[in-house]
Each structure stands twice: as C-alpha cells, then as structure tokens.
Amino acid sequence: MKEEGFFKKVYDITKQVPFGRVTSYGAIAKFLGTPRSARMVGWALNASHLDDSIPAHRVVNRNGLLTGKHHFKGSNLMQQLLENENIKVENNQVVAFKKLYWDPNIELVQQ
C-alpha cells in the first residue's frame, strides 16, 4: 500500500466524521482493512494540519483520550475545536465518549 494512497483514504474517512462526534485511530485503520495500522492513521492525520477540510481533531484514541493534541498548534487547540462542537473534554479525555463515538465500520458501507 502506497503511503500517499493510505493517507488520502484516512482523510476521506475523517471528513465523514459528523460534527459533534468522534472516532478513533483504530476504527479508521480497521475500516481500511489494516487493523494494526492505527499509528499510521495518526501519522496521516498529523500530516493533514495544512488542510482545514480534514477534521483531525475528531479522531482520538480508543479510550477517548486526546493523544494527538500535541500535534495541533497551541497547547489546547484540539480540545478547543472539540468544545466548539459541544464535545466536553476533561483531563484530555472526551466525556461521554461511548455516546459520541462514531464507528465507520458501522456507519459506512465499504466500497
């Protein structure tokens, strides 16, 4: 799998995460058929910060932790972006994570 193609696929899925919802790196990796590539999903999203159309802030770890926050400009930008969508964050973790969780493996039909 070419890295460029993988990154584009990650971006395409991330763009589909609805406003006010979050997903995980692992869920995206699983949807792409590469369940052990959650870290690579993170790398792709880290490289996406020049494109405002990719809501990378909506992707968190499997427990709802903002593990990618250090890749955003400013110390709290990821949290601020989530809170702008009415997603409450406490101690770097999404509150009501299970309720807000959007799973592409359920919500999207693989093409």
Protein backbone atom coordinates (compact mmCIF):
# COMPACT_ATOMS: atom_id res chain seq x y z
CA MET A 1 0.00 0.00 0.00
CA LYS A 2 1.45 3.30 -1.01
CA GLU A 3 1.65 5.78 1.88
CA GLU A 4 0.14 8.60 -0.20
CA GLY A 5 -2.89 6.46 -1.09
CA PHE A 6 -3.31 5.37 2.52
CA PHE A 7 -3.20 8.95 3.77
CA LYS A 8 -5.85 10.00 1.23
CA LYS A 9 -8.12 7.16 2.38
CA VAL A 10 -7.66 8.26 6.01
CA TYR A 11 -8.57 11.83 5.05
CA ASP A 12 -11.64 10.69 3.11
CA ILE A 13 -12.97 8.80 6.14
CA THR A 14 -12.07 11.55 8.61
CA LYS A 15 -14.01 14.06 6.53
CA GLN A 16 -17.11 11.91 7.07
CA VAL A 17 -16.99 12.02 10.88
CA PRO A 18 -20.07 14.10 11.74
CA PHE A 19 -19.92 17.41 13.59
CA GLY A 20 -20.15 16.75 17.33
CA ARG A 21 -18.92 13.15 17.08
CA VAL A 22 -15.54 11.46 17.44
CA THR A 23 -13.91 8.30 16.18
CA SER A 24 -10.64 6.50 16.88
CA TYR A 25 -7.44 5.87 15.01
CA GLY A 26 -8.05 2.13 15.30
CA ALA A 27 -11.58 2.33 13.92
CA ILE A 28 -10.30 4.10 10.82
CA ALA A 29 -7.49 1.56 10.43
CA LYS A 30 -9.94 -1.33 10.77
CA PHE A 31 -12.28 0.24 8.21
CA LEU A 32 -9.38 0.46 5.76
CA GLY A 33 -8.70 -3.25 6.24
CA THR A 34 -5.45 -2.63 8.11
CA PRO A 35 -6.44 -3.04 11.79
CA ARG A 36 -2.86 -2.89 13.04
CA SER A 37 -2.11 0.48 11.44
CA ALA A 38 -3.73 2.84 13.97
CA ARG A 39 -0.38 4.56 14.45
CA MET A 40 -0.09 5.18 10.72
CA VAL A 41 -3.57 6.73 10.79
CA GLY A 42 -2.18 9.11 13.42
CA TRP A 43 0.77 9.95 11.18
CA ALA A 44 -1.58 10.68 8.30
CA LEU A 45 -3.68 13.00 10.46
CA ASN A 46 -0.57 14.73 11.77
CA ALA A 47 0.38 15.46 8.16
CA SER A 48 -3.10 16.85 7.44
CA HIS A 49 -2.91 20.02 9.51
CA LEU A 50 -2.37 22.24 6.47
CA ASP A 51 -5.79 21.25 5.14
CA ASP A 52 -8.63 22.75 7.18
CA SER A 53 -11.16 20.50 5.44
CA ILE A 54 -9.87 17.48 7.39
CA PRO A 55 -11.34 17.47 10.94
CA ALA A 56 -8.40 15.63 12.51
CA HIS A 57 -9.48 16.88 15.94
CA ARG A 58 -12.41 14.42 15.80
CA VAL A 59 -10.05 11.44 15.93
CA VAL A 60 -8.93 10.31 19.38
CA ASN A 61 -7.54 7.12 20.85
CA ARG A 62 -9.69 4.07 21.67
CA ASN A 63 -10.41 5.39 25.17
CA GLY A 64 -11.35 8.89 24.07
CA LEU A 65 -8.02 10.44 25.05
CA LEU A 66 -6.66 13.38 23.07
CA THR A 67 -3.35 11.65 22.40
CA GLY A 68 -2.77 13.66 19.21
CA LYS A 69 -3.22 17.05 20.84
CA HIS A 70 0.49 17.87 20.81
CA HIS A 71 0.37 17.89 17.00
CA PHE A 72 -2.02 20.87 16.96
CA LYS A 73 -0.83 24.47 17.15
CA GLY A 74 -1.15 25.75 20.69
CA SER A 75 -1.46 23.57 23.75
CA ASN A 76 -5.25 23.28 23.79
CA LEU A 77 -6.34 23.72 20.16
CA MET A 78 -7.62 20.16 19.77
CA GLN A 79 -9.72 20.49 22.91
CA GLN A 80 -10.99 23.91 21.83
CA LEU A 81 -12.04 22.57 18.43
CA LEU A 82 -13.93 19.71 20.08
CA GLU A 83 -15.57 22.04 22.59
CA ASN A 84 -16.66 24.28 19.69
CA GLU A 85 -18.68 21.24 18.59
CA ASN A 86 -20.22 20.87 22.07
CA ILE A 87 -17.97 17.92 22.92
CA LYS A 88 -16.97 18.16 26.56
CA VAL A 89 -13.36 17.33 27.39
CA GLU A 90 -11.98 16.81 30.90
CA ASN A 91 -8.40 15.85 31.70
CA ASN A 92 -7.64 15.40 27.98
CA GLN A 93 -10.46 12.86 27.59
CA VAL A 94 -13.78 13.11 25.76
CA VAL A 95 -16.64 13.00 28.27
CA ALA A 96 -19.43 10.62 27.19
CA PHE A 97 -17.04 9.07 24.67
CA LYS A 98 -19.18 5.97 24.05
CA LYS A 99 -22.24 8.12 23.35
CA LEU A 100 -20.35 10.38 20.92
CA TYR A 101 -18.37 7.58 19.27
CA TRP A 102 -18.84 7.26 15.51
CA ASP A 103 -17.64 3.95 14.09
CA PRO A 104 -17.04 3.96 10.33
CA ASN A 105 -17.26 0.16 10.39
CA ILE A 106 -20.94 0.52 11.33
CA GLU A 107 -21.83 3.89 9.79
CA LEU A 108 -20.19 3.49 6.38
CA VAL A 109 -20.65 0.78 3.82
CA GLN A 110 -17.31 -0.36 2.46
CA GLN A 111 -16.98 0.42 -1.22
